[in-house]
Amino acid sequence: IAATFGGRNPLNDYTLPYHALTRGAKVDAGLRHRFGSARIEDL
C-alpha cells in the first residue's frame, strides 16, 4: 500500500471530463500489478 499510494495521488491523471475527471489508468495499472489475474473464488 505504501508503494502504491503512500505520498502518491492515484487520482490525478486528469482528462476531459466526459465520463469522469480522471482517465483511471493509474488505478487500473496499480490494481492489475498488485493482483494480476487472480480470481475471487481462488484466494
ModelCIF file with pLDDT and N, C-alpha, C, O atoms, coordinates in Angstrom:
data_MODEL
#
_entry.id   MODEL 
#
_entity.id                         1 
_entity.type                       polymer 
_entity.pdbx_number_of_molecules   1 
#
_entity_poly.entity_id                      1 
_entity_poly.type                           'polypeptide(L)' 
_entity_poly.nstd_linkage                   no 
_entity_poly.nstd_monomer                   no 
_entity_poly.pdbx_seq_one_letter_code       IAATFGGRNPLNDYTLPYHALTRGAKVDAGLRHRFGSARIEDL 
_entity_poly.pdbx_seq_one_letter_code_can   IAATFGGRNPLNDYTLPYHALTRGAKVDAGLRHRFGSARIEDL 
_entity_poly.pdbx_strand_id                 A 
#
loop_
_entity_poly_seq.entity_id 
_entity_poly_seq.num 
_entity_poly_seq.mon_id 
_entity_poly_seq.hetero 
1 1  ILE n 
1 2  ALA n 
1 3  ALA n 
1 4  THR n 
1 5  PHE n 
1 6  GLY n 
1 7  GLY n 
1 8  ARG n 
1 9  ASN n 
1 10 PRO n 
1 11 LEU n 
1 12 ASN n 
1 13 ASP n 
1 14 TYR n 
1 15 THR n 
1 16 LEU n 
1 17 PRO n 
1 18 TYR n 
1 19 HIS n 
1 20 ALA n 
1 21 LEU n 
1 22 THR n 
1 23 ARG n 
1 24 GLY n 
1 25 ALA n 
1 26 LYS n 
1 27 VAL n 
1 28 ASP n 
1 29 ALA n 
1 30 GLY n 
1 31 LEU n 
1 32 ARG n 
1 33 HIS n 
1 34 ARG n 
1 35 PHE n 
1 36 GLY n 
1 37 SER n 
1 38 ALA n 
1 39 ARG n 
1 40 ILE n 
1 41 GLU n 
1 42 ASP n 
1 43 LEU n 
#
_struct_asym.id          A 
_struct_asym.entity_id   1 
#
loop_
_ma_qa_metric.id 
_ma_qa_metric.mode 
_ma_qa_metric.name 
_ma_qa_metric.software_group_id 
_ma_qa_metric.type 
1 global pLDDT . pLDDT 
2 local  pLDDT . pLDDT 
#
_ma_qa_metric_global.metric_id      1 
_ma_qa_metric_global.metric_value   74.12 
_ma_qa_metric_global.model_id       1 
_ma_qa_metric_global.ordinal_id     1 
#
loop_
_ma_qa_metric_local.label_asym_id 
_ma_qa_metric_local.label_comp_id 
_ma_qa_metric_local.label_seq_id 
_ma_qa_metric_local.metric_id 
_ma_qa_metric_local.metric_value 
_ma_qa_metric_local.model_id 
_ma_qa_metric_local.ordinal_id 
A ILE 1  2 82.00 1 1  
A ALA 2  2 79.00 1 2  
A ALA 3  2 78.00 1 3  
A THR 4  2 72.00 1 4  
A PHE 5  2 68.00 1 5  
A GLY 6  2 59.00 1 6  
A GLY 7  2 54.00 1 7  
A ARG 8  2 61.00 1 8  
A ASN 9  2 60.00 1 9  
A PRO 10 2 64.00 1 10 
A LEU 11 2 59.00 1 11 
A ASN 12 2 58.00 1 12 
A ASP 13 2 58.00 1 13 
A TYR 14 2 57.00 1 14 
A THR 15 2 59.00 1 15 
A LEU 16 2 53.00 1 16 
A PRO 17 2 61.00 1 17 
A TYR 18 2 52.00 1 18 
A HIS 19 2 58.00 1 19 
A ALA 20 2 58.00 1 20 
A LEU 21 2 59.00 1 21 
A THR 22 2 66.00 1 22 
A ARG 23 2 68.00 1 23 
A GLY 24 2 68.00 1 24 
A ALA 25 2 73.00 1 25 
A LYS 26 2 77.00 1 26 
A VAL 27 2 77.00 1 27 
A ASP 28 2 80.00 1 28 
A ALA 29 2 83.00 1 29 
A GLY 30 2 83.00 1 30 
A LEU 31 2 88.00 1 31 
A ARG 32 2 89.00 1 32 
A HIS 33 2 87.00 1 33 
A ARG 34 2 88.00 1 34 
A PHE 35 2 92.00 1 35 
A GLY 36 2 90.00 1 36 
A SER 37 2 92.00 1 37 
A ALA 38 2 95.00 1 38 
A ARG 39 2 96.00 1 39 
A ILE 40 2 97.00 1 40 
A GLU 41 2 96.00 1 41 
A ASP 42 2 96.00 1 42 
A LEU 43 2 97.00 1 43 
#
loop_
_atom_site.group_PDB 
_atom_site.id 
_atom_site.type_symbol 
_atom_site.label_atom_id 
_atom_site.label_alt_id 
_atom_site.label_comp_id 
_atom_site.label_asym_id 
_atom_site.label_entity_id 
_atom_site.label_seq_id 
_atom_site.pdbx_PDB_ins_code 
_atom_site.Cartn_x 
_atom_site.Cartn_y 
_atom_site.Cartn_z 
_atom_site.occupancy 
_atom_site.B_iso_or_equiv 
_atom_site.pdbx_formal_charge 
_atom_site.auth_seq_id 
_atom_site.auth_comp_id 
_atom_site.auth_asym_id 
_atom_site.auth_atom_id 
_atom_site.pdbx_PDB_model_num 
ATOM 1   N N  . ILE A 1 1  ? 0.828   -1.198  0.000   1.00 82.00 ? 1  ILE A N  1 
ATOM 2   C CA . ILE A 1 1  ? 0.000   0.000   0.000   1.00 82.00 ? 1  ILE A CA 1 
ATOM 3   C C  . ILE A 1 1  ? 0.868   1.256   0.000   1.00 82.00 ? 1  ILE A C  1 
ATOM 4   O O  . ILE A 1 1  ? 0.561   2.235   -0.680  1.00 82.00 ? 1  ILE A O  1 
ATOM 5   N N  . ALA A 1 2  ? 1.945   1.217   0.764   1.00 79.00 ? 2  ALA A N  1 
ATOM 6   C CA . ALA A 1 2  ? 2.855   2.372   0.809   1.00 79.00 ? 2  ALA A CA 1 
ATOM 7   C C  . ALA A 1 2  ? 3.465   2.619   -0.562  1.00 79.00 ? 2  ALA A C  1 
ATOM 8   O O  . ALA A 1 2  ? 3.591   3.763   -0.998  1.00 79.00 ? 2  ALA A O  1 
ATOM 9   N N  . ALA A 1 3  ? 3.846   1.534   -1.243  1.00 78.00 ? 3  ALA A N  1 
ATOM 10  C CA . ALA A 1 3  ? 4.457   1.682   -2.562  1.00 78.00 ? 3  ALA A CA 1 
ATOM 11  C C  . ALA A 1 3  ? 3.452   2.185   -3.593  1.00 78.00 ? 3  ALA A C  1 
ATOM 12  O O  . ALA A 1 3  ? 3.815   2.923   -4.509  1.00 78.00 ? 3  ALA A O  1 
ATOM 13  N N  . THR A 1 4  ? 2.202   1.791   -3.446  1.00 72.00 ? 4  THR A N  1 
ATOM 14  C CA . THR A 1 4  ? 1.186   2.154   -4.429  1.00 72.00 ? 4  THR A CA 1 
ATOM 15  C C  . THR A 1 4  ? 0.583   3.527   -4.158  1.00 72.00 ? 4  THR A C  1 
ATOM 16  O O  . THR A 1 4  ? 0.385   4.314   -5.084  1.00 72.00 ? 4  THR A O  1 
ATOM 17  N N  . PHE A 1 5  ? 0.288   3.819   -2.874  1.00 68.00 ? 5  PHE A N  1 
ATOM 18  C CA . PHE A 1 5  ? -0.444  5.033   -2.547  1.00 68.00 ? 5  PHE A CA 1 
ATOM 19  C C  . PHE A 1 5  ? 0.342   6.034   -1.702  1.00 68.00 ? 5  PHE A C  1 
ATOM 20  O O  . PHE A 1 5  ? 0.114   7.239   -1.807  1.00 68.00 ? 5  PHE A O  1 
ATOM 21  N N  . GLY A 1 6  ? 1.260   5.554   -0.870  1.00 59.00 ? 6  GLY A N  1 
ATOM 22  C CA . GLY A 1 6  ? 1.935   6.429   0.080   1.00 59.00 ? 6  GLY A CA 1 
ATOM 23  C C  . GLY A 1 6  ? 2.592   7.621   -0.588  1.00 59.00 ? 6  GLY A C  1 
ATOM 24  O O  . GLY A 1 6  ? 3.573   7.460   -1.314  1.00 59.00 ? 6  GLY A O  1 
ATOM 25  N N  . GLY A 1 7  ? 2.066   8.814   -0.354  1.00 54.00 ? 7  GLY A N  1 
ATOM 26  C CA . GLY A 1 7  ? 2.647   10.021  -0.915  1.00 54.00 ? 7  GLY A CA 1 
ATOM 27  C C  . GLY A 1 7  ? 2.289   10.248  -2.368  1.00 54.00 ? 7  GLY A C  1 
ATOM 28  O O  . GLY A 1 7  ? 2.699   11.253  -2.950  1.00 54.00 ? 7  GLY A O  1 
ATOM 29  N N  . ARG A 1 8  ? 1.521   9.325   -2.982  1.00 61.00 ? 8  ARG A N  1 
ATOM 30  C CA . ARG A 1 8  ? 1.159   9.465   -4.386  1.00 61.00 ? 8  ARG A CA 1 
ATOM 31  C C  . ARG A 1 8  ? -0.348  9.567   -4.520  1.00 61.00 ? 8  ARG A C  1 
ATOM 32  O O  . ARG A 1 8  ? -1.082  8.816   -3.879  1.00 61.00 ? 8  ARG A O  1 
ATOM 33  N N  . ASN A 1 9  ? -0.803  10.468  -5.329  1.00 60.00 ? 9  ASN A N  1 
ATOM 34  C CA . ASN A 1 9  ? -2.231  10.615  -5.574  1.00 60.00 ? 9  ASN A CA 1 
ATOM 35  C C  . ASN A 1 9  ? -2.601  9.746   -6.778  1.00 60.00 ? 9  ASN A C  1 
ATOM 36  O O  . ASN A 1 9  ? -2.184  10.053  -7.894  1.00 60.00 ? 9  ASN A O  1 
ATOM 37  N N  . PRO A 1 10 ? -3.368  8.672   -6.586  1.00 64.00 ? 10 PRO A N  1 
ATOM 38  C CA . PRO A 1 10 ? -3.722  7.817   -7.716  1.00 64.00 ? 10 PRO A CA 1 
ATOM 39  C C  . PRO A 1 10 ? -4.833  8.403   -8.581  1.00 64.00 ? 10 PRO A C  1 
ATOM 40  O O  . PRO A 1 10 ? -5.215  7.818   -9.594  1.00 64.00 ? 10 PRO A O  1 
ATOM 41  N N  . LEU A 1 11 ? -5.347  9.563   -8.176  1.00 59.00 ? 11 LEU A N  1 
ATOM 42  C CA . LEU A 1 11 ? -6.479  10.146  -8.894  1.00 59.00 ? 11 LEU A CA 1 
ATOM 43  C C  . LEU A 1 11 ? -6.097  11.503  -9.483  1.00 59.00 ? 11 LEU A C  1 
ATOM 44  O O  . LEU A 1 11 ? -6.818  12.486  -9.315  1.00 59.00 ? 11 LEU A O  1 
ATOM 45  N N  . ASN A 1 12 ? -4.955  11.545  -10.175 1.00 58.00 ? 12 ASN A N  1 
ATOM 46  C CA . ASN A 1 12 ? -4.539  12.823  -10.754 1.00 58.00 ? 12 ASN A CA 1 
ATOM 47  C C  . ASN A 1 12 ? -4.213  12.739  -12.239 1.00 58.00 ? 12 ASN A C  1 
ATOM 48  O O  . ASN A 1 12 ? -3.612  13.657  -12.797 1.00 58.00 ? 12 ASN A O  1 
ATOM 49  N N  . ASP A 1 13 ? -4.612  11.631  -12.889 1.00 58.00 ? 13 ASP A N  1 
ATOM 50  C CA . ASP A 1 13 ? -4.407  11.578  -14.341 1.00 58.00 ? 13 ASP A CA 1 
ATOM 51  C C  . ASP A 1 13 ? -5.650  12.176  -15.015 1.00 58.00 ? 13 ASP A C  1 
ATOM 52  O O  . ASP A 1 13 ? -6.462  11.480  -15.624 1.00 58.00 ? 13 ASP A O  1 
ATOM 53  N N  . TYR A 1 14 ? -5.751  13.503  -14.870 1.00 57.00 ? 14 TYR A N  1 
ATOM 54  C CA . TYR A 1 14 ? -6.956  14.205  -15.309 1.00 57.00 ? 14 TYR A CA 1 
ATOM 55  C C  . TYR A 1 14 ? -7.109  14.168  -16.819 1.00 57.00 ? 14 TYR A C  1 
ATOM 56  O O  . TYR A 1 14 ? -6.135  14.068  -17.564 1.00 57.00 ? 14 TYR A O  1 
ATOM 57  N N  . THR A 1 15 ? -8.355  14.252  -17.244 1.00 59.00 ? 15 THR A N  1 
ATOM 58  C CA . THR A 1 15 ? -8.674  14.207  -18.668 1.00 59.00 ? 15 THR A CA 1 
ATOM 59  C C  . THR A 1 15 ? -9.890  15.069  -18.912 1.00 59.00 ? 15 THR A C  1 
ATOM 60  O O  . THR A 1 15 ? -10.442 15.644  -17.974 1.00 59.00 ? 15 THR A O  1 
ATOM 61  N N  . LEU A 1 16 ? -10.317 15.167  -20.163 1.00 53.00 ? 16 LEU A N  1 
ATOM 62  C CA . LEU A 1 16 ? -11.536 15.884  -20.482 1.00 53.00 ? 16 LEU A CA 1 
ATOM 63  C C  . LEU A 1 16 ? -12.692 15.203  -19.757 1.00 53.00 ? 16 LEU A C  1 
ATOM 64  O O  . LEU A 1 16 ? -12.938 14.020  -19.994 1.00 53.00 ? 16 LEU A O  1 
ATOM 65  N N  . PRO A 1 17 ? -13.414 15.910  -18.878 1.00 61.00 ? 17 PRO A N  1 
ATOM 66  C CA . PRO A 1 17 ? -14.423 15.260  -18.016 1.00 61.00 ? 17 PRO A CA 1 
ATOM 67  C C  . PRO A 1 17 ? -15.681 14.854  -18.781 1.00 61.00 ? 17 PRO A C  1 
ATOM 68  O O  . PRO A 1 17 ? -16.749 15.439  -18.601 1.00 61.00 ? 17 PRO A O  1 
ATOM 69  N N  . TYR A 1 18 ? -15.535 13.848  -19.632 1.00 52.00 ? 18 TYR A N  1 
ATOM 70  C CA . TYR A 1 18 ? -16.682 13.327  -20.372 1.00 52.00 ? 18 TYR A CA 1 
ATOM 71  C C  . TYR A 1 18 ? -17.363 12.210  -19.578 1.00 52.00 ? 18 TYR A C  1 
ATOM 72  O O  . TYR A 1 18 ? -18.579 12.223  -19.388 1.00 52.00 ? 18 TYR A O  1 
ATOM 73  N N  . HIS A 1 19 ? -16.546 11.225  -19.108 1.00 58.00 ? 19 HIS A N  1 
ATOM 74  C CA . HIS A 1 19 ? -17.060 10.172  -18.227 1.00 58.00 ? 19 HIS A CA 1 
ATOM 75  C C  . HIS A 1 19 ? -16.699 10.450  -16.772 1.00 58.00 ? 19 HIS A C  1 
ATOM 76  O O  . HIS A 1 19 ? -17.458 10.131  -15.857 1.00 58.00 ? 19 HIS A O  1 
ATOM 77  N N  . ALA A 1 20 ? -15.516 11.055  -16.574 1.00 58.00 ? 20 ALA A N  1 
ATOM 78  C CA . ALA A 1 20 ? -15.024 11.324  -15.225 1.00 58.00 ? 20 ALA A CA 1 
ATOM 79  C C  . ALA A 1 20 ? -13.881 12.323  -15.325 1.00 58.00 ? 20 ALA A C  1 
ATOM 80  O O  . ALA A 1 20 ? -13.374 12.600  -16.412 1.00 58.00 ? 20 ALA A O  1 
ATOM 81  N N  . LEU A 1 21 ? -13.481 12.862  -14.166 1.00 59.00 ? 21 LEU A N  1 
ATOM 82  C CA . LEU A 1 21 ? -12.387 13.833  -14.151 1.00 59.00 ? 21 LEU A CA 1 
ATOM 83  C C  . LEU A 1 21 ? -11.049 13.194  -14.490 1.00 59.00 ? 21 LEU A C  1 
ATOM 84  O O  . LEU A 1 21 ? -10.159 13.874  -15.002 1.00 59.00 ? 21 LEU A O  1 
ATOM 85  N N  . THR A 1 22 ? -10.887 11.908  -14.217 1.00 66.00 ? 22 THR A N  1 
ATOM 86  C CA . THR A 1 22 ? -9.615  11.226  -14.488 1.00 66.00 ? 22 THR A CA 1 
ATOM 87  C C  . THR A 1 22 ? -9.834  10.076  -15.464 1.00 66.00 ? 22 THR A C  1 
ATOM 88  O O  . THR A 1 22 ? -10.953 9.596   -15.644 1.00 66.00 ? 22 THR A O  1 
ATOM 89  N N  . ARG A 1 23 ? -8.750  9.651   -16.083 1.00 68.00 ? 23 ARG A N  1 
ATOM 90  C CA . ARG A 1 23 ? -8.823  8.513   -17.011 1.00 68.00 ? 23 ARG A CA 1 
ATOM 91  C C  . ARG A 1 23 ? -8.880  7.189   -16.266 1.00 68.00 ? 23 ARG A C  1 
ATOM 92  O O  . ARG A 1 23 ? -9.386  6.203   -16.801 1.00 68.00 ? 23 ARG A O  1 
ATOM 93  N N  . GLY A 1 24 ? -8.360  7.150   -15.019 1.00 68.00 ? 24 GLY A N  1 
ATOM 94  C CA . GLY A 1 24 ? -8.353  5.919   -14.245 1.00 68.00 ? 24 GLY A CA 1 
ATOM 95  C C  . GLY A 1 24 ? -7.251  4.967   -14.636 1.00 68.00 ? 24 GLY A C  1 
ATOM 96  O O  . GLY A 1 24 ? -7.212  3.839   -14.144 1.00 68.00 ? 24 GLY A O  1 
ATOM 97  N N  . ALA A 1 25 ? -6.351  5.390   -15.509 1.00 73.00 ? 25 ALA A N  1 
ATOM 98  C CA . ALA A 1 25 ? -5.293  4.486   -15.983 1.00 73.00 ? 25 ALA A CA 1 
ATOM 99  C C  . ALA A 1 25 ? -4.332  4.124   -14.861 1.00 73.00 ? 25 ALA A C  1 
ATOM 100 O O  . ALA A 1 25 ? -3.863  2.988   -14.790 1.00 73.00 ? 25 ALA A O  1 
ATOM 101 N N  . LYS A 1 26 ? -4.030  5.085   -13.979 1.00 77.00 ? 26 LYS A N  1 
ATOM 102 C CA . LYS A 1 26 ? -3.113  4.794   -12.880 1.00 77.00 ? 26 LYS A CA 1 
ATOM 103 C C  . LYS A 1 26 ? -3.715  3.769   -11.920 1.00 77.00 ? 26 LYS A C  1 
ATOM 104 O O  . LYS A 1 26 ? -3.028  2.866   -11.445 1.00 77.00 ? 26 LYS A O  1 
ATOM 105 N N  . VAL A 1 27 ? -5.002  3.925   -11.645 1.00 77.00 ? 27 VAL A N  1 
ATOM 106 C CA . VAL A 1 27 ? -5.673  2.975   -10.760 1.00 77.00 ? 27 VAL A CA 1 
ATOM 107 C C  . VAL A 1 27 ? -5.731  1.595   -11.403 1.00 77.00 ? 27 VAL A C  1 
ATOM 108 O O  . VAL A 1 27 ? -5.461  0.591   -10.745 1.00 77.00 ? 27 VAL A O  1 
ATOM 109 N N  . ASP A 1 28 ? -6.083  1.540   -12.690 1.00 80.00 ? 28 ASP A N  1 
ATOM 110 C CA . ASP A 1 28 ? -6.162  0.255   -13.395 1.00 80.00 ? 28 ASP A CA 1 
ATOM 111 C C  . ASP A 1 28 ? -4.819  -0.465  -13.379 1.00 80.00 ? 28 ASP A C  1 
ATOM 112 O O  . ASP A 1 28 ? -4.747  -1.662  -13.099 1.00 80.00 ? 28 ASP A O  1 
ATOM 113 N N  . ALA A 1 29 ? -3.759  0.274   -13.680 1.00 83.00 ? 29 ALA A N  1 
ATOM 114 C CA . ALA A 1 29 ? -2.430  -0.339  -13.732 1.00 83.00 ? 29 ALA A CA 1 
ATOM 115 C C  . ALA A 1 29 ? -1.995  -0.806  -12.347 1.00 83.00 ? 29 ALA A C  1 
ATOM 116 O O  . ALA A 1 29 ? -1.389  -1.869  -12.208 1.00 83.00 ? 29 ALA A O  1 
ATOM 117 N N  . GLY A 1 30 ? -2.304  -0.007  -11.321 1.00 83.00 ? 30 GLY A N  1 
ATOM 118 C CA . GLY A 1 30 ? -1.917  -0.399  -9.970  1.00 83.00 ? 30 GLY A CA 1 
ATOM 119 C C  . GLY A 1 30 ? -2.626  -1.659  -9.502  1.00 83.00 ? 30 GLY A C  1 
ATOM 120 O O  . GLY A 1 30 ? -2.003  -2.533  -8.899  1.00 83.00 ? 30 GLY A O  1 
ATOM 121 N N  . LEU A 1 31 ? -3.919  -1.762  -9.772  1.00 88.00 ? 31 LEU A N  1 
ATOM 122 C CA . LEU A 1 31 ? -4.661  -2.960  -9.375  1.00 88.00 ? 31 LEU A CA 1 
ATOM 123 C C  . LEU A 1 31 ? -4.180  -4.193  -10.126 1.00 88.00 ? 31 LEU A C  1 
ATOM 124 O O  . LEU A 1 31 ? -4.014  -5.262  -9.539  1.00 88.00 ? 31 LEU A O  1 
ATOM 125 N N  . ARG A 1 32 ? -3.959  -4.042  -11.412 1.00 89.00 ? 32 ARG A N  1 
ATOM 126 C CA . ARG A 1 32 ? -3.522  -5.196  -12.200 1.00 89.00 ? 32 ARG A CA 1 
ATOM 127 C C  . ARG A 1 32 ? -2.119  -5.632  -11.786 1.00 89.00 ? 32 ARG A C  1 
ATOM 128 O O  . ARG A 1 32 ? -1.816  -6.825  -11.781 1.00 89.00 ? 32 ARG A O  1 
ATOM 129 N N  . HIS A 1 33 ? -1.266  -4.673  -11.442 1.00 87.00 ? 33 HIS A N  1 
ATOM 130 C CA . HIS A 1 33 ? 0.096   -5.020  -10.998 1.00 87.00 ? 33 HIS A CA 1 
ATOM 131 C C  . HIS A 1 33 ? 0.055   -5.776  -9.675  1.00 87.00 ? 33 HIS A C  1 
ATOM 132 O O  . HIS A 1 33 ? 0.811   -6.729  -9.486  1.00 87.00 ? 33 HIS A O  1 
ATOM 133 N N  . ARG A 1 34 ? -0.810  -5.367  -8.766  1.00 88.00 ? 34 ARG A N  1 
ATOM 134 C CA . ARG A 1 34 ? -0.865  -5.988  -7.437  1.00 88.00 ? 34 ARG A CA 1 
ATOM 135 C C  . ARG A 1 34 ? -1.577  -7.330  -7.443  1.00 88.00 ? 34 ARG A C  1 
ATOM 136 O O  . ARG A 1 34 ? -1.151  -8.261  -6.760  1.00 88.00 ? 34 ARG A O  1 
ATOM 137 N N  . PHE A 1 35 ? -2.661  -7.437  -8.211  1.00 92.00 ? 35 PHE A N  1 
ATOM 138 C CA . PHE A 1 35 ? -3.498  -8.636  -8.117  1.00 92.00 ? 35 PHE A CA 1 
ATOM 139 C C  . PHE A 1 35 ? -3.461  -9.525  -9.353  1.00 92.00 ? 35 PHE A C  1 
ATOM 140 O O  . PHE A 1 35 ? -4.005  -10.629 -9.339  1.00 92.00 ? 35 PHE A O  1 
ATOM 141 N N  . GLY A 1 36 ? -2.825  -9.055  -10.417 1.00 90.00 ? 36 GLY A N  1 
ATOM 142 C CA . GLY A 1 36 ? -2.645  -9.888  -11.597 1.00 90.00 ? 36 GLY A CA 1 
ATOM 143 C C  . GLY A 1 36 ? -3.952  -10.442 -12.131 1.00 90.00 ? 36 GLY A C  1 
ATOM 144 O O  . GLY A 1 36 ? -4.939  -9.719  -12.267 1.00 90.00 ? 36 GLY A O  1 
ATOM 145 N N  . SER A 1 37 ? -3.948  -11.746 -12.435 1.00 92.00 ? 37 SER A N  1 
ATOM 146 C CA . SER A 1 37 ? -5.141  -12.396 -12.994 1.00 92.00 ? 37 SER A CA 1 
ATOM 147 C C  . SER A 1 37 ? -5.871  -13.232 -11.934 1.00 92.00 ? 37 SER A C  1 
ATOM 148 O O  . SER A 1 37 ? -6.661  -14.109 -12.282 1.00 92.00 ? 37 SER A O  1 
ATOM 149 N N  . ALA A 1 38 ? -5.617  -12.969 -10.651 1.00 95.00 ? 38 ALA A N  1 
ATOM 150 C CA . ALA A 1 38 ? -6.254  -13.739 -9.571  1.00 95.00 ? 38 ALA A CA 1 
ATOM 151 C C  . ALA A 1 38 ? -7.774  -13.629 -9.660  1.00 95.00 ? 38 ALA A C  1 
ATOM 152 O O  . ALA A 1 38 ? -8.322  -12.603 -10.064 1.00 95.00 ? 38 ALA A O  1 
ATOM 153 N N  . ARG A 1 39 ? -8.434  -14.714 -9.270  1.00 96.00 ? 39 ARG A N  1 
ATOM 154 C CA . ARG A 1 39 ? -9.890  -14.734 -9.246  1.00 96.00 ? 39 ARG A CA 1 
ATOM 155 C C  . ARG A 1 39 ? -10.382 -14.794 -7.793  1.00 96.00 ? 39 ARG A C  1 
ATOM 156 O O  . ARG A 1 39 ? -9.730  -15.373 -6.924  1.00 96.00 ? 39 ARG A O  1 
ATOM 157 N N  . ILE A 1 40 ? -11.528 -14.193 -7.557  1.00 97.00 ? 40 ILE A N  1 
ATOM 158 C CA . ILE A 1 40 ? -12.044 -14.084 -6.195  1.00 97.00 ? 40 ILE A CA 1 
ATOM 159 C C  . ILE A 1 40 ? -12.227 -15.455 -5.562  1.00 97.00 ? 40 ILE A C  1 
ATOM 160 O O  . ILE A 1 40 ? -11.903 -15.641 -4.389  1.00 97.00 ? 40 ILE A O  1 
ATOM 161 N N  . GLU A 1 41 ? -12.741 -16.414 -6.320  1.00 96.00 ? 41 GLU A N  1 
ATOM 162 C CA . GLU A 1 41 ? -13.017 -17.734 -5.764  1.00 96.00 ? 41 GLU A CA 1 
ATOM 163 C C  . GLU A 1 41 ? -11.758 -18.550 -5.526  1.00 96.00 ? 41 GLU A C  1 
ATOM 164 O O  . GLU A 1 41 ? -11.814 -19.597 -4.880  1.00 96.00 ? 41 GLU A O  1 
ATOM 165 N N  . ASP A 1 42 ? -10.616 -18.087 -6.040  1.00 96.00 ? 42 ASP A N  1 
ATOM 166 C CA . ASP A 1 42 ? -9.362  -18.817 -5.878  1.00 96.00 ? 42 ASP A CA 1 
ATOM 167 C C  . ASP A 1 42 ? -8.374  -18.018 -5.029  1.00 96.00 ? 42 ASP A C  1 
ATOM 168 O O  . ASP A 1 42 ? -7.219  -17.834 -5.414  1.00 96.00 ? 42 ASP A O  1 
ATOM 169 N N  . LEU A 1 43 ? -8.835  -17.551 -3.884  1.00 97.00 ? 43 LEU A N  1 
ATOM 170 C CA . LEU A 1 43 ? -7.981  -16.889 -2.900  1.00 97.00 ? 43 LEU A CA 1 
ATOM 171 C C  . LEU A 1 43 ? -7.895  -17.777 -1.672  1.00 97.00 ? 43 LEU A C  1 
ATOM 172 O O  . LEU A 1 43 ? -7.225  -17.424 -0.701  1.00 97.00 ? 43 LEU A O  1 
#
